[in-house]
Amino acid sequence: MNLENIVCRKEEKFMISNLGDEVVLMDIQQGHYININPVGSAIWNKLSAPVAVKDLINLLVDEYGISTAQCESDTLNFLQKLRQHDMLNVQ
């Protein structure tokens, strides 16, 4: 995955609930629950429509006031985890 990729969350295979500032998903096919922490939940919510990874990172840098380098590293790692769990469409 790179900064030019367009990403969007896959919702069709999950039941999704918001609990406070966290998102909990249940994989309908496998019955697994996935709990996403508040920052991950903010990212998940921003993925409701297709967005370029670089634009997502810019939004997060502005919102959280963190360094671009740290945000890029953390966001790419999180997106990779979503992709590994088949929770993300990547173009």
N, C-alpha and C. Protein backbone atom coordinates (compact mmCIF):
# COMPACT_ATOMS: atom_id res chain seq x y z
N MET A 1 0.86 -1.17 0.00
CA MET A 1 0.00 0.00 0.00
C MET A 1 0.90 1.23 0.00
N ASN A 2 0.44 2.27 -0.73
CA ASN A 2 1.22 3.49 -0.76
C ASN A 2 0.31 4.71 -0.63
N LEU A 3 0.91 5.87 -0.63
CA LEU A 3 0.16 7.11 -0.39
C LEU A 3 -0.80 7.45 -1.52
N GLU A 4 -0.58 6.91 -2.69
CA GLU A 4 -1.44 7.20 -3.84
C GLU A 4 -2.66 6.29 -3.92
N ASN A 5 -2.68 5.20 -3.16
CA ASN A 5 -3.81 4.29 -3.19
C ASN A 5 -5.08 5.01 -2.73
N ILE A 6 -6.20 4.58 -3.28
CA ILE A 6 -7.52 5.03 -2.85
C ILE A 6 -8.09 3.90 -1.98
N VAL A 7 -8.55 4.25 -0.79
CA VAL A 7 -9.06 3.24 0.14
C VAL A 7 -10.49 3.57 0.55
N CYS A 8 -11.22 2.51 0.88
CA CYS A 8 -12.60 2.64 1.35
C CYS A 8 -12.91 1.40 2.17
N ARG A 9 -13.64 1.57 3.25
CA ARG A 9 -13.95 0.44 4.11
C ARG A 9 -14.95 -0.51 3.44
N LYS A 10 -14.83 -1.79 3.79
CA LYS A 10 -15.80 -2.80 3.37
C LYS A 10 -16.80 -2.94 4.50
N GLU A 11 -18.03 -2.71 4.21
CA GLU A 11 -19.06 -2.79 5.25
C GLU A 11 -19.95 -4.00 5.08
N GLU A 12 -20.04 -4.54 3.87
CA GLU A 12 -21.03 -5.55 3.57
C GLU A 12 -20.90 -6.83 4.37
N LYS A 13 -19.73 -7.15 4.86
CA LYS A 13 -19.57 -8.40 5.61
C LYS A 13 -19.52 -8.19 7.12
N PHE A 14 -19.86 -6.98 7.58
CA PHE A 14 -19.77 -6.67 9.00
C PHE A 14 -21.06 -6.08 9.55
N MET A 15 -21.36 -6.43 10.78
CA MET A 15 -22.35 -5.68 11.56
C MET A 15 -21.52 -4.67 12.35
N ILE A 16 -21.95 -3.42 12.34
CA ILE A 16 -21.14 -2.35 12.93
C ILE A 16 -21.94 -1.65 14.02
N SER A 17 -21.29 -1.46 15.17
CA SER A 17 -21.91 -0.72 16.27
C SER A 17 -20.91 0.29 16.82
N ASN A 18 -21.42 1.42 17.25
CA ASN A 18 -20.59 2.42 17.92
C ASN A 18 -20.84 2.31 19.42
N LEU A 19 -19.76 2.20 20.17
CA LEU A 19 -19.83 2.17 21.63
C LEU A 19 -18.96 3.30 22.15
N GLY A 20 -19.59 4.40 22.50
CA GLY A 20 -18.83 5.57 22.91
C GLY A 20 -18.05 6.08 21.72
N ASP A 21 -16.74 6.22 21.87
CA ASP A 21 -15.91 6.69 20.76
C ASP A 21 -15.17 5.55 20.07
N GLU A 22 -15.63 4.32 20.28
CA GLU A 22 -15.03 3.16 19.62
C GLU A 22 -16.04 2.50 18.70
N VAL A 23 -15.52 1.78 17.71
CA VAL A 23 -16.34 1.02 16.78
C VAL A 23 -16.11 -0.46 17.06
N VAL A 24 -17.19 -1.23 17.09
CA VAL A 24 -17.11 -2.68 17.23
C VAL A 24 -17.75 -3.29 15.99
N LEU A 25 -17.03 -4.21 15.37
CA LEU A 25 -17.53 -4.87 14.18
C LEU A 25 -17.63 -6.36 14.44
N MET A 26 -18.63 -6.98 13.84
CA MET A 26 -18.71 -8.44 13.87
C MET A 26 -18.67 -8.93 12.44
N ASP A 27 -17.71 -9.79 12.15
CA ASP A 27 -17.62 -10.42 10.84
C ASP A 27 -18.77 -11.41 10.75
N ILE A 28 -19.73 -11.14 9.88
CA ILE A 28 -20.94 -11.94 9.78
C ILE A 28 -20.62 -13.38 9.37
N GLN A 29 -19.64 -13.56 8.49
CA GLN A 29 -19.31 -14.89 7.99
C GLN A 29 -18.56 -15.73 9.01
N GLN A 30 -17.66 -15.12 9.75
CA GLN A 30 -16.82 -15.87 10.67
C GLN A 30 -17.20 -15.72 12.14
N GLY A 31 -18.05 -14.76 12.45
CA GLY A 31 -18.48 -14.56 13.82
C GLY A 31 -17.43 -13.93 14.73
N HIS A 32 -16.39 -13.35 14.15
CA HIS A 32 -15.33 -12.71 14.94
C HIS A 32 -15.72 -11.27 15.25
N TYR A 33 -15.38 -10.84 16.46
CA TYR A 33 -15.59 -9.44 16.85
C TYR A 33 -14.28 -8.70 16.74
N ILE A 34 -14.36 -7.46 16.27
CA ILE A 34 -13.18 -6.61 16.15
C ILE A 34 -13.52 -5.29 16.82
N ASN A 35 -12.71 -4.92 17.80
CA ASN A 35 -12.88 -3.66 18.51
C ASN A 35 -11.82 -2.68 18.00
N ILE A 36 -12.24 -1.50 17.59
CA ILE A 36 -11.31 -0.50 17.08
C ILE A 36 -11.25 0.66 18.07
N ASN A 37 -10.04 1.01 18.50
CA ASN A 37 -9.86 2.08 19.48
C ASN A 37 -10.31 3.43 18.92
N PRO A 38 -10.37 4.47 19.75
CA PRO A 38 -10.91 5.76 19.29
C PRO A 38 -10.22 6.35 18.06
N VAL A 39 -8.90 6.30 17.99
CA VAL A 39 -8.22 6.87 16.81
C VAL A 39 -8.50 6.00 15.59
N GLY A 40 -8.43 4.69 15.75
CA GLY A 40 -8.77 3.79 14.65
C GLY A 40 -10.21 3.98 14.21
N SER A 41 -11.10 4.22 15.16
CA SER A 41 -12.50 4.46 14.84
C SER A 41 -12.67 5.75 14.03
N ALA A 42 -11.89 6.77 14.37
CA ALA A 42 -11.94 8.02 13.60
C ALA A 42 -11.49 7.76 12.16
N ILE A 43 -10.45 6.95 12.01
CA ILE A 43 -9.99 6.61 10.66
C ILE A 43 -11.07 5.80 9.94
N TRP A 44 -11.62 4.78 10.61
CA TRP A 44 -12.67 3.96 10.02
C TRP A 44 -13.83 4.82 9.52
N ASN A 45 -14.23 5.79 10.32
CA ASN A 45 -15.34 6.66 9.93
C ASN A 45 -15.00 7.52 8.72
N LYS A 46 -13.74 7.89 8.56
CA LYS A 46 -13.31 8.69 7.41
C LYS A 46 -13.25 7.84 6.14
N LEU A 47 -13.29 6.53 6.28
CA LEU A 47 -13.21 5.64 5.13
C LEU A 47 -14.58 5.26 4.58
N SER A 48 -15.62 5.97 4.97
CA SER A 48 -16.97 5.64 4.48
C SER A 48 -17.11 5.93 2.99
N ALA A 49 -16.28 6.83 2.48
CA ALA A 49 -16.22 7.12 1.04
C ALA A 49 -14.77 6.97 0.60
N PRO A 50 -14.54 6.62 -0.66
CA PRO A 50 -13.16 6.46 -1.13
C PRO A 50 -12.32 7.72 -0.89
N VAL A 51 -11.10 7.51 -0.42
CA VAL A 51 -10.20 8.62 -0.14
C VAL A 51 -8.77 8.17 -0.43
N ALA A 52 -7.95 9.06 -0.95
CA ALA A 52 -6.54 8.76 -1.15
C ALA A 52 -5.85 8.69 0.20
N VAL A 53 -4.94 7.76 0.35
CA VAL A 53 -4.22 7.59 1.62
C VAL A 53 -3.55 8.90 2.01
N LYS A 54 -2.93 9.60 1.06
CA LYS A 54 -2.24 10.86 1.38
C LYS A 54 -3.22 11.90 1.91
N ASP A 55 -4.44 11.94 1.35
CA ASP A 55 -5.44 12.90 1.83
C ASP A 55 -5.95 12.53 3.22
N LEU A 56 -6.10 11.24 3.46
CA LEU A 56 -6.49 10.76 4.79
C LEU A 56 -5.45 11.19 5.83
N ILE A 57 -4.19 11.01 5.50
CA ILE A 57 -3.11 11.39 6.43
C ILE A 57 -3.14 12.89 6.68
N ASN A 58 -3.34 13.69 5.65
CA ASN A 58 -3.42 15.14 5.84
C ASN A 58 -4.57 15.52 6.76
N LEU A 59 -5.72 14.87 6.61
CA LEU A 59 -6.85 15.13 7.50
C LEU A 59 -6.50 14.81 8.95
N LEU A 60 -5.83 13.67 9.15
CA LEU A 60 -5.48 13.25 10.51
C LEU A 60 -4.42 14.16 11.13
N VAL A 61 -3.45 14.60 10.34
CA VAL A 61 -2.42 15.53 10.84
C VAL A 61 -3.09 16.82 11.30
N ASP A 62 -4.02 17.33 10.50
CA ASP A 62 -4.74 18.56 10.88
C ASP A 62 -5.59 18.35 12.13
N GLU A 63 -6.27 17.20 12.20
CA GLU A 63 -7.18 16.94 13.31
C GLU A 63 -6.46 16.69 14.62
N TYR A 64 -5.35 15.95 14.58
CA TYR A 64 -4.68 15.53 15.81
C TYR A 64 -3.40 16.31 16.10
N GLY A 65 -2.95 17.15 15.17
CA GLY A 65 -1.76 17.96 15.41
C GLY A 65 -0.50 17.14 15.63
N ILE A 66 -0.37 16.04 14.90
CA ILE A 66 0.82 15.19 15.03
C ILE A 66 1.69 15.38 13.80
N SER A 67 2.91 14.86 13.86
CA SER A 67 3.82 15.00 12.73
C SER A 67 3.35 14.15 11.56
N THR A 68 3.63 14.63 10.37
CA THR A 68 3.25 13.90 9.17
C THR A 68 3.93 12.54 9.13
N ALA A 69 5.20 12.48 9.50
CA ALA A 69 5.93 11.21 9.46
C ALA A 69 5.31 10.18 10.40
N GLN A 70 5.00 10.59 11.62
CA GLN A 70 4.39 9.67 12.59
C GLN A 70 3.01 9.23 12.12
N CYS A 71 2.24 10.18 11.62
CA CYS A 71 0.89 9.88 11.16
C CYS A 71 0.94 8.92 9.97
N GLU A 72 1.85 9.15 9.05
CA GLU A 72 1.98 8.29 7.88
C GLU A 72 2.31 6.86 8.29
N SER A 73 3.27 6.71 9.17
CA SER A 73 3.67 5.38 9.64
C SER A 73 2.51 4.67 10.33
N ASP A 74 1.90 5.34 11.29
CA ASP A 74 0.81 4.73 12.06
C ASP A 74 -0.41 4.42 11.18
N THR A 75 -0.74 5.33 10.28
CA THR A 75 -1.92 5.14 9.42
C THR A 75 -1.69 4.00 8.44
N LEU A 76 -0.51 3.94 7.83
CA LEU A 76 -0.23 2.84 6.91
C LEU A 76 -0.26 1.50 7.63
N ASN A 77 0.25 1.45 8.85
CA ASN A 77 0.19 0.21 9.63
C ASN A 77 -1.26 -0.19 9.92
N PHE A 78 -2.07 0.78 10.32
CA PHE A 78 -3.47 0.50 10.61
C PHE A 78 -4.21 0.03 9.36
N LEU A 79 -3.98 0.71 8.24
CA LEU A 79 -4.64 0.33 7.00
C LEU A 79 -4.23 -1.07 6.56
N GLN A 80 -2.96 -1.42 6.78
CA GLN A 80 -2.50 -2.77 6.45
C GLN A 80 -3.25 -3.81 7.29
N LYS A 81 -3.47 -3.51 8.57
CA LYS A 81 -4.22 -4.44 9.43
C LYS A 81 -5.65 -4.58 8.93
N LEU A 82 -6.27 -3.48 8.55
CA LEU A 82 -7.62 -3.55 8.00
C LEU A 82 -7.63 -4.42 6.74
N ARG A 83 -6.64 -4.22 5.91
CA ARG A 83 -6.56 -5.00 4.67
C ARG A 83 -6.36 -6.49 4.95
N GLN A 84 -5.53 -6.81 5.93
CA GLN A 84 -5.28 -8.21 6.28
C GLN A 84 -6.55 -8.90 6.76
N HIS A 85 -7.45 -8.15 7.37
CA HIS A 85 -8.71 -8.70 7.87
C HIS A 85 -9.84 -8.54 6.83
N ASP A 86 -9.46 -8.19 5.61
CA ASP A 86 -10.42 -8.02 4.50
C ASP A 86 -11.49 -7.00 4.85
N MET A 87 -11.06 -5.90 5.46
CA MET A 87 -11.98 -4.83 5.88
C MET A 87 -11.83 -3.59 5.01
N LEU A 88 -11.00 -3.68 3.96
CA LEU A 88 -10.64 -2.49 3.21
C LEU A 88 -10.58 -2.79 1.71
N ASN A 89 -11.18 -1.92 0.93
CA ASN A 89 -11.01 -1.95 -0.53
C ASN A 89 -9.86 -1.02 -0.87
N VAL A 90 -8.93 -1.47 -1.68
CA VAL A 90 -7.76 -0.68 -2.05
C VAL A 90 -7.67 -0.64 -3.57
N GLN A 91 -7.54 0.57 -4.09
CA GLN A 91 -7.36 0.74 -5.54
C GLN A 91 -6.03 1.39 -5.81
